[in-house]
Amino acid sequence: MNGFANHGLDEAAFGEKSGFTEGLRTFDAFPKTKPTYTRRTTTGGYTTLLLVLFSAFLSLSELRRWYAGSETQQFSVEKGVSHTLQINLDTVVHMQCADLHVNVQDASGDRILAGEMLRKDPTSWGMWVDPKKVHRSGNKKDKRRREDLEVEDTHVGHVLGEVRKGRRKFKRTPKMGRGVQADSCRIFGSLEGNKVQGDFHITARGHGYNGFGEHLTHEAFNFSHLISELSFGPLYPSLLNPLDHTLATTPHHFNRFQYYLSIVPTIYTRSMNPAPLALAADPLSLGKNKRSTSLSPAAHVSANTVLTNQYAVTSQSHPVPEQSIPGIFFKFDIEPILLTIAESKGGFLALVVKLVNVVSGVLVGGGWMYQLWGWAGENFREKRGRGRGVSGGEGILRGGEGTDEEE
């Protein structure tokens, strides 16, 4: 009728195609716009570049946070039965070695002659006291820097890195120069005691215990001291403990330095498997595996798990009458809790999901903001243009033509 058939044309070819694939267009949530109906602007280019840079910054921040991981701290009751505790000491006392006695006495009544287990080396006081490297008790200026260093030594990554260094020995006593007289004594080494409340003290010869040497003249008393190392458990010299590199001096012969320590067994781990933690916390399990039955000496449970001890300390220093016993006293108590500090990272799939959310959120949100800004700008310009047109019309109706006549 219309001649299409005569020319071999099909009218259906000019309409929408039918079929299942073509029917899916009804559900298209991402309609396309022909390039002829789009216009690129410089403002849009700057906006896109800004959104890309912002997305890259947030993505790098998220990646860095994932790589660093997160730390969690958990307290629990210490399991198992542990018997011994290793004590590591490195201190210099401003007295002759022959005039000093070192002893440990615990709550069970056992007394350890620590002077026979620790090493004593004569040395010079001036070789050890460096104002730039030591921390004086009560010095507020050095307190913040000291606290920052101590906080760094509580992070799992830092602790595991220091443990892997493998240096677990005390440094040698430096040799004195010619003509330098030994006026001090370096006492250092490790010893094992019962894992109960105890008292570790350094006193003068003939004072503190009856029958321990001849009576020392009071003018020789000078318990000024420098603590280079005081830790419990395995020796890690590179880790900073609260009393490490602490200097305490006194002008009095009869003076008592007292330190009160609260020890907390601590596990640092990156392992997600709780088995090593249970093995570390239960010394009976260690005994079944033919390892040490002590909680402290093993310490290196696995490549990603370390068992050690932390402690908090308060101190006192005051002169005492001649009827009292002067010296350096460390009173320690072991808390019946276990602190587990674990470092963990999220899964890689979770990281990918977060990155996709960050990038898509910034681009979509930025696109919406750009469109709203453009819409607001067009409305503002349109209203402004209308306002100008109305005022001009009113001017003409009210005598605007008179202006032309005057010209």
Protein backbone atom coordinates (compact mmCIF):
# COMPACT_ATOMS: atom_id res chain seq x y z
CA MET A 1 0.00 0.00 0.00
CA ASN A 2 2.73 2.44 0.93
CA GLY A 3 5.19 1.12 -1.57
CA PHE A 4 7.61 -0.40 1.00
CA ALA A 5 6.90 -3.88 -0.18
CA ASN A 6 7.46 -2.89 -3.79
CA HIS A 7 10.96 -1.69 -2.91
CA GLY A 8 11.79 -4.73 -0.79
CA LEU A 9 11.68 -2.78 2.48
CA ASP A 10 10.35 -4.01 5.83
CA GLU A 11 8.49 -1.53 8.04
CA ALA A 12 9.44 -3.49 11.18
CA ALA A 13 13.12 -2.67 10.60
CA PHE A 14 12.41 0.96 11.47
CA GLY A 15 10.93 0.19 14.94
CA GLU A 16 12.40 -1.21 18.17
CA LYS A 17 13.80 -4.69 17.86
CA SER A 18 12.13 -7.44 19.79
CA GLY A 19 13.72 -10.31 21.70
CA PHE A 20 15.07 -11.21 25.14
CA THR A 21 18.36 -9.31 24.78
CA GLU A 22 16.63 -6.18 23.57
CA GLY A 23 14.08 -6.47 26.37
CA LEU A 24 16.81 -6.18 28.96
CA ARG A 25 17.21 -2.51 28.01
CA THR A 26 14.18 -1.80 30.15
CA PHE A 27 16.21 -2.68 33.27
CA ASP A 28 19.30 -0.67 32.29
CA ALA A 29 20.30 1.37 35.37
CA PHE A 30 23.13 3.05 33.48
CA PRO A 31 21.56 4.87 30.52
CA LYS A 32 24.00 6.14 27.95
CA THR A 33 24.16 9.62 26.51
CA LYS A 34 25.34 10.20 22.97
CA PRO A 35 28.60 12.12 22.69
CA THR A 36 26.85 14.74 20.57
CA TYR A 37 24.75 15.70 23.61
CA THR A 38 27.69 16.09 26.02
CA ARG A 39 29.99 19.06 26.47
CA ARG A 40 33.40 19.01 28.19
CA THR A 41 34.45 22.07 30.22
CA THR A 42 37.65 23.26 31.86
CA THR A 43 35.89 23.42 35.23
CA GLY A 44 34.88 19.79 34.89
CA GLY A 45 38.46 18.84 34.07
CA TYR A 46 39.81 20.57 37.17
CA THR A 47 37.11 18.95 39.29
CA THR A 48 37.93 15.49 37.95
CA LEU A 49 41.64 15.98 38.57
CA LEU A 50 40.95 17.15 42.12
CA LEU A 51 38.72 14.13 42.82
CA VAL A 52 41.35 11.73 41.44
CA LEU A 53 44.07 13.25 43.64
CA PHE A 54 41.83 13.13 46.70
CA SER A 55 40.94 9.49 45.99
CA ALA A 56 44.62 8.60 45.62
CA PHE A 57 45.44 10.29 48.95
CA LEU A 58 42.69 8.43 50.80
CA SER A 59 43.67 5.15 49.14
CA LEU A 60 47.32 5.53 50.16
CA SER A 61 46.26 6.37 53.72
CA GLU A 62 44.07 3.28 53.86
CA LEU A 63 46.87 1.12 52.43
CA ARG A 64 49.35 2.48 54.95
CA ARG A 65 46.93 1.84 57.83
CA TRP A 66 46.41 -1.73 56.62
CA TYR A 67 50.14 -2.35 56.30
CA ALA A 68 50.85 -1.02 59.82
CA GLY A 69 48.10 -3.15 61.31
CA SER A 70 46.32 -2.55 64.59
CA GLU A 71 47.21 -3.53 68.14
CA THR A 72 44.88 -4.90 70.77
CA GLN A 73 45.60 -5.41 74.46
CA GLN A 74 43.91 -8.09 76.49
CA PHE A 75 44.26 -8.98 80.17
CA SER A 76 43.65 -12.49 81.42
CA VAL A 77 44.41 -14.58 84.46
CA GLU A 78 47.82 -16.21 84.18
CA LYS A 79 47.48 -19.93 83.69
CA GLY A 80 49.78 -22.71 84.80
CA VAL A 81 52.32 -22.85 87.59
CA SER A 82 55.62 -21.04 87.12
CA HIS A 83 58.50 -21.30 89.57
CA THR A 84 61.44 -19.07 88.69
CA LEU A 85 62.03 -15.52 87.53
CA GLN A 86 65.18 -14.25 85.84
CA ILE A 87 66.50 -10.91 87.08
CA ASN A 88 68.87 -8.87 84.90
CA LEU A 89 70.88 -6.09 86.55
CA ASP A 90 73.55 -3.70 85.35
CA THR A 91 74.33 -0.86 87.76
CA VAL A 92 77.28 1.24 88.86
CA VAL A 93 77.51 2.22 92.54
CA HIS A 94 79.85 4.96 93.72
CA MET A 95 81.62 2.67 96.21
CA GLN A 96 84.39 0.08 96.17
CA CYS A 97 83.37 -3.43 95.14
CA ALA A 98 84.78 -4.95 98.33
CA ASP A 99 82.50 -2.70 100.39
CA LEU A 100 79.24 -3.82 98.75
CA HIS A 101 76.93 -6.77 99.35
CA VAL A 102 74.17 -7.81 96.94
CA ASN A 103 71.40 -10.12 98.13
CA VAL A 104 67.92 -11.28 97.21
CA GLN A 105 65.31 -12.38 99.73
CA ASP A 106 61.80 -13.45 98.72
CA ALA A 107 58.53 -13.99 100.50
CA SER A 108 59.14 -17.74 100.76
CA GLY A 109 62.14 -17.08 103.00
CA ASP A 110 64.80 -18.10 100.48
CA ARG A 111 67.91 -15.94 100.45
CA ILE A 112 70.21 -15.75 97.45
CA LEU A 113 73.73 -14.42 97.73
CA ALA A 114 73.49 -12.48 94.49
CA GLY A 115 77.03 -11.16 94.99
CA GLU A 116 78.36 -14.61 94.17
CA MET A 117 76.24 -14.94 91.02
CA LEU A 118 76.70 -11.41 89.68
CA ARG A 119 79.95 -9.97 88.41
CA LYS A 120 81.66 -7.00 90.08
CA ASP A 121 84.15 -4.88 88.13
CA PRO A 122 86.03 -1.90 89.61
CA THR A 123 85.50 1.18 87.49
CA SER A 124 85.53 4.98 87.54
CA TRP A 125 82.36 6.96 88.20
CA GLY A 126 83.22 9.60 85.61
CA MET A 127 83.33 7.02 82.81
CA TRP A 128 79.63 6.24 83.19
CA VAL A 129 77.88 9.47 84.10
CA ASP A 130 77.05 11.26 80.86
CA PRO A 131 74.36 13.96 81.32
CA LYS A 132 73.19 13.52 77.72
CA LYS A 133 72.55 9.78 78.03
CA VAL A 134 71.23 9.32 81.55
CA HIS A 135 67.89 10.18 83.09
CA ARG A 136 67.74 11.73 86.55
CA SER A 137 64.87 10.76 88.78
CA GLY A 138 62.40 13.65 88.99
CA ASN A 139 63.78 15.50 85.97
CA LYS A 140 60.67 16.86 84.22
CA LYS A 141 62.52 18.07 81.10
CA ASP A 142 63.59 14.57 80.19
CA LYS A 143 60.32 12.96 81.21
CA ARG A 144 58.46 13.44 77.91
CA ARG A 145 61.30 12.17 75.73
CA ARG A 146 61.69 9.24 78.08
CA GLU A 147 58.00 8.38 77.91
CA ASP A 148 58.02 8.48 74.09
CA LEU A 149 60.90 6.01 73.97
CA GLU A 150 59.19 3.70 76.44
CA VAL A 151 55.95 3.78 74.44
CA GLU A 152 57.87 2.84 71.29
CA ASP A 153 59.23 -0.24 73.07
CA THR A 154 55.69 -1.45 73.78
CA HIS A 155 54.74 -1.90 70.11
CA VAL A 156 54.74 -5.46 68.80
CA GLY A 157 56.70 -4.72 65.63
CA HIS A 158 59.47 -2.90 67.48
CA VAL A 159 59.78 -5.57 70.17
CA LEU A 160 59.94 -8.44 67.67
CA GLY A 161 62.52 -6.54 65.63
CA GLU A 162 64.75 -6.03 68.66
CA VAL A 163 64.40 -9.67 69.68
CA ARG A 164 65.49 -10.85 66.23
CA LYS A 165 68.77 -8.97 66.61
CA GLY A 166 69.82 -11.74 68.95
CA ARG A 167 72.22 -9.69 71.14
CA ARG A 168 71.53 -10.84 74.69
CA LYS A 169 74.78 -10.12 76.45
CA PHE A 170 75.98 -7.35 78.72
CA LYS A 171 78.59 -5.01 77.36
CA ARG A 172 82.11 -5.33 78.64
CA THR A 173 83.34 -2.93 81.29
CA PRO A 174 85.44 -0.25 79.58
CA LYS A 175 89.06 -0.12 80.58
CA MET A 176 90.25 2.75 82.72
CA GLY A 177 93.00 5.00 81.49
CA ARG A 178 96.41 5.31 83.06
CA GLY A 179 96.41 7.04 86.39
CA VAL A 180 92.62 6.71 86.82
CA GLN A 181 91.69 5.32 90.23
CA ALA A 182 88.74 2.96 90.64
CA ASP A 183 86.22 4.69 92.88
CA SER A 184 83.08 2.78 91.86
CA CYS A 185 81.82 -0.72 91.26
CA ARG A 186 79.91 -2.09 88.31
CA ILE A 187 77.54 -4.92 89.29
CA PHE A 188 76.00 -6.79 86.37
CA GLY A 189 74.68 -10.15 85.32
CA SER A 190 71.58 -12.35 85.49
CA LEU A 191 70.29 -14.55 88.28
CA GLU A 192 67.22 -16.68 88.91
CA GLY A 193 64.96 -16.44 91.91
CA ASN A 194 61.58 -17.67 92.99
CA LYS A 195 58.69 -16.11 91.16
CA VAL A 196 57.17 -14.59 94.28
CA GLN A 197 57.25 -11.23 95.99
CA GLY A 198 60.82 -10.37 96.91
CA ASP A 199 63.42 -7.83 97.92
CA PHE A 200 66.59 -7.22 95.93
CA HIS A 201 69.03 -4.93 97.73
CA ILE A 202 72.56 -3.56 97.70
CA THR A 203 74.01 -2.70 101.11
CA ALA A 204 77.38 -1.89 102.63
CA ARG A 205 79.76 -4.41 104.14
CA GLY A 206 78.87 -5.14 107.75
CA HIS A 207 75.42 -3.57 107.42
CA GLY A 208 72.16 -5.31 106.63
CA TYR A 209 73.08 -8.87 107.66
CA ASN A 210 75.02 -9.97 110.72
CA GLY A 211 78.31 -11.65 110.05
CA PHE A 212 78.63 -10.49 106.43
CA GLY A 213 82.06 -8.93 106.52
CA GLU A 214 83.70 -6.43 108.79
CA HIS A 215 82.01 -3.23 109.78
CA LEU A 216 82.60 -0.48 107.18
CA THR A 217 83.28 3.07 108.31
CA HIS A 218 80.37 5.39 107.66
CA GLU A 219 82.46 7.94 105.76
CA ALA A 220 82.85 5.39 102.96
CA PHE A 221 79.10 5.24 102.31
CA ASN A 222 77.97 6.70 99.00
CA PHE A 223 75.04 4.92 97.40
CA SER A 224 74.80 7.21 94.39
CA HIS A 225 74.17 4.87 91.48
CA LEU A 226 73.48 4.57 87.79
CA ILE A 227 71.11 1.84 86.59
CA SER A 228 71.89 0.83 83.02
CA GLU A 229 69.67 -2.25 82.96
CA LEU A 230 66.99 -3.69 85.22
CA SER A 231 64.63 -6.18 83.63
CA PHE A 232 62.85 -9.40 84.43
CA GLY A 233 62.78 -12.40 82.16
CA PRO A 234 65.02 -12.82 79.09
CA LEU A 235 67.66 -10.15 78.56
CA TYR A 236 67.00 -7.74 75.70
CA PRO A 237 69.47 -4.84 76.22
CA SER A 238 68.06 -2.81 73.32
CA LEU A 239 64.59 -2.54 74.91
CA LEU A 240 64.09 0.38 77.28
CA ASN A 241 62.69 -0.42 80.73
CA PRO A 242 61.43 2.21 83.20
CA LEU A 243 64.66 2.22 85.27
CA ASP A 244 67.17 1.82 82.44
CA HIS A 245 69.77 4.62 82.23
CA THR A 246 68.50 6.20 85.45
CA LEU A 247 70.89 8.22 87.62
CA ALA A 248 70.29 8.85 91.34
CA THR A 249 72.77 10.76 93.52
CA THR A 250 72.91 11.87 97.14
CA PRO A 251 75.29 13.98 99.26
CA HIS A 252 74.43 11.98 102.41
CA HIS A 253 76.34 8.97 103.66
CA PHE A 254 73.24 7.43 105.23
CA ASN A 255 70.69 7.45 102.42
CA ARG A 256 68.16 4.86 101.34
CA PHE A 257 66.96 4.47 97.77
CA GLN A 258 63.79 2.42 97.50
CA TYR A 259 62.15 1.23 94.29
CA TYR A 260 58.73 -0.47 94.30
CA LEU A 261 58.13 -2.54 91.18
CA SER A 262 54.95 -4.20 89.94
CA ILE A 263 55.75 -6.89 87.35
CA VAL A 264 53.26 -8.00 84.70
CA PRO A 265 53.99 -11.01 82.42
CA THR A 266 53.46 -9.88 78.84
CA ILE A 267 53.09 -11.61 75.47
CA TYR A 268 53.86 -9.78 72.21
CA THR A 269 52.50 -11.61 69.19
CA ARG A 270 51.59 -11.35 65.52
CA SER A 271 50.29 -14.88 65.39
CA MET A 272 46.60 -15.48 64.76
CA ASN A 273 46.90 -19.03 66.09
CA PRO A 274 46.10 -19.18 69.83
CA ALA A 275 48.13 -22.36 70.29
CA PRO A 276 51.51 -20.63 70.79
CA LEU A 277 49.92 -18.26 73.29
CA ALA A 278 48.48 -21.13 75.29
CA LEU A 279 51.82 -22.89 75.18
CA ALA A 280 53.60 -19.77 76.40
CA ALA A 281 51.13 -19.05 79.15
CA ASP A 282 51.03 -22.61 80.48
CA PRO A 283 54.44 -23.71 81.78
CA LEU A 284 53.09 -27.22 82.40
CA SER A 285 52.63 -27.59 78.65
CA LEU A 286 56.21 -26.50 78.19
CA GLY A 287 57.29 -29.21 80.57
CA LYS A 288 55.39 -31.83 78.59
CA ASN A 289 57.29 -30.75 75.50
CA LYS A 290 60.61 -31.18 77.33
CA ARG A 291 61.19 -27.48 77.63
CA SER A 292 61.86 -25.32 80.62
CA THR A 293 59.16 -25.37 83.29
CA SER A 294 59.80 -21.69 83.97
CA LEU A 295 57.63 -19.01 82.47
CA SER A 296 60.38 -16.46 81.95
CA PRO A 297 63.51 -18.04 80.42
CA ALA A 298 61.90 -19.41 77.24
CA ALA A 299 60.48 -16.11 75.99
CA HIS A 300 60.92 -16.80 72.28
CA VAL A 301 57.91 -19.07 71.84
CA SER A 302 57.82 -18.64 68.05
CA ALA A 303 59.06 -16.32 65.33
CA ASN A 304 56.04 -14.07 65.84
CA THR A 305 55.50 -14.50 69.58
CA VAL A 306 57.67 -13.28 72.46
CA LEU A 307 57.05 -13.73 76.16
CA THR A 308 58.65 -11.26 78.58
CA ASN A 309 57.79 -9.07 81.57
CA GLN A 310 56.94 -5.40 81.96
CA TYR A 311 56.95 -3.45 85.18
CA ALA A 312 55.81 -0.15 86.64
CA VAL A 313 57.91 1.55 89.28
CA THR A 314 57.67 4.19 91.99
CA SER A 315 60.71 5.41 93.89
CA GLN A 316 61.74 7.06 97.14
CA SER A 317 65.00 8.56 98.30
CA HIS A 318 65.63 10.02 101.74
CA PRO A 319 68.32 10.21 104.42
CA VAL A 320 68.05 7.74 107.30
CA PRO A 321 69.46 7.83 110.85
CA GLU A 322 72.54 5.83 111.70
CA GLN A 323 70.40 3.19 113.43
CA SER A 324 68.79 2.34 110.05
CA ILE A 325 70.30 0.47 107.13
CA PRO A 326 71.29 2.59 104.11
CA GLY A 327 71.45 1.16 100.63
CA ILE A 328 69.58 0.51 97.41
CA PHE A 329 66.42 -1.59 97.74
CA PHE A 330 64.25 -3.04 95.00
CA LYS A 331 60.96 -4.46 96.21
CA PHE A 332 59.10 -6.32 93.49
CA ASP A 333 55.73 -8.01 93.28
CA ILE A 334 54.43 -10.24 90.45
CA GLU A 335 50.87 -9.59 89.35
CA PRO A 336 48.74 -12.73 88.75
CA ILE A 337 47.59 -11.49 85.34
CA LEU A 338 48.84 -11.90 81.79
CA LEU A 339 48.88 -9.06 79.28
CA THR A 340 48.63 -10.06 75.62
CA ILE A 341 49.51 -7.40 73.04
CA ALA A 342 48.55 -8.67 69.58
CA GLU A 343 49.17 -7.04 66.22
CA SER A 344 46.86 -8.01 63.37
CA LYS A 345 46.15 -7.02 59.80
CA GLY A 346 42.89 -7.21 57.93
CA GLY A 347 42.47 -9.58 54.99
CA PHE A 348 43.53 -8.58 51.49
CA LEU A 349 39.97 -8.92 50.21
CA ALA A 350 38.77 -6.54 52.92
CA LEU A 351 41.45 -4.07 51.84
CA VAL A 352 40.27 -4.23 48.22
CA VAL A 353 36.67 -3.64 49.31
CA LYS A 354 37.72 -0.60 51.36
CA LEU A 355 39.72 0.86 48.45
CA VAL A 356 36.79 0.38 46.06
CA ASN A 357 34.46 2.05 48.54
CA VAL A 358 36.84 4.98 48.99
CA VAL A 359 37.39 5.60 45.27
CA SER A 360 33.76 5.10 44.24
CA GLY A 361 32.47 7.15 47.16
CA VAL A 362 34.70 10.10 46.32
CA LEU A 363 33.93 10.02 42.59
CA VAL A 364 30.18 9.57 43.01
CA GLY A 365 29.93 12.11 45.82
CA GLY A 366 32.12 14.56 43.91
CA GLY A 367 29.97 14.11 40.79
CA TRP A 368 26.81 14.88 42.74
CA MET A 369 28.39 17.95 44.31
CA TYR A 370 29.57 19.16 40.90
CA GLN A 371 26.09 18.74 39.40
CA LEU A 372 24.43 20.49 42.33
CA TRP A 373 26.92 23.34 42.06
CA GLY A 374 26.23 23.68 38.36
CA TRP A 375 22.48 23.57 38.90
CA ALA A 376 22.69 26.23 41.63
CA GLY A 377 24.87 28.41 39.42
CA GLU A 378 22.44 28.22 36.49
CA ASN A 379 19.49 29.10 38.70
CA PHE A 380 21.35 32.04 40.17
CA ARG A 381 22.32 33.36 36.74
CA GLU A 382 18.80 32.84 35.43
CA LYS A 383 17.22 34.73 38.32
CA ARG A 384 19.79 37.49 38.04
CA GLY A 385 19.10 37.84 34.31
CA ARG A 386 15.36 37.99 34.88
CA GLY A 387 15.79 40.66 37.52
CA ARG A 388 17.74 42.84 35.14
CA GLY A 389 15.15 42.38 32.34
CA VAL A 390 12.22 43.37 34.55
CA SER A 391 13.92 46.53 35.80
CA GLY A 392 14.72 47.57 32.22
CA GLY A 393 11.11 47.06 31.11
CA GLU A 394 9.82 49.13 33.96
CA GLY A 395 12.20 51.90 33.01
CA ILE A 396 10.82 52.00 29.49
CA LEU A 397 7.20 51.99 30.62
CA ARG A 398 7.82 54.71 33.18
CA GLY A 399 9.56 57.06 30.84
CA GLY A 400 12.58 55.34 29.55
CA GLU A 401 11.69 56.63 26.08
CA GLY A 402 12.13 60.19 27.38
CA THR A 403 15.77 59.47 27.76
CA ASP A 404 16.10 58.75 24.08
CA GLU A 405 14.30 61.93 23.26
CA GLU A 406 16.67 63.92 25.42
CA GLU A 407 19.60 62.35 23.58
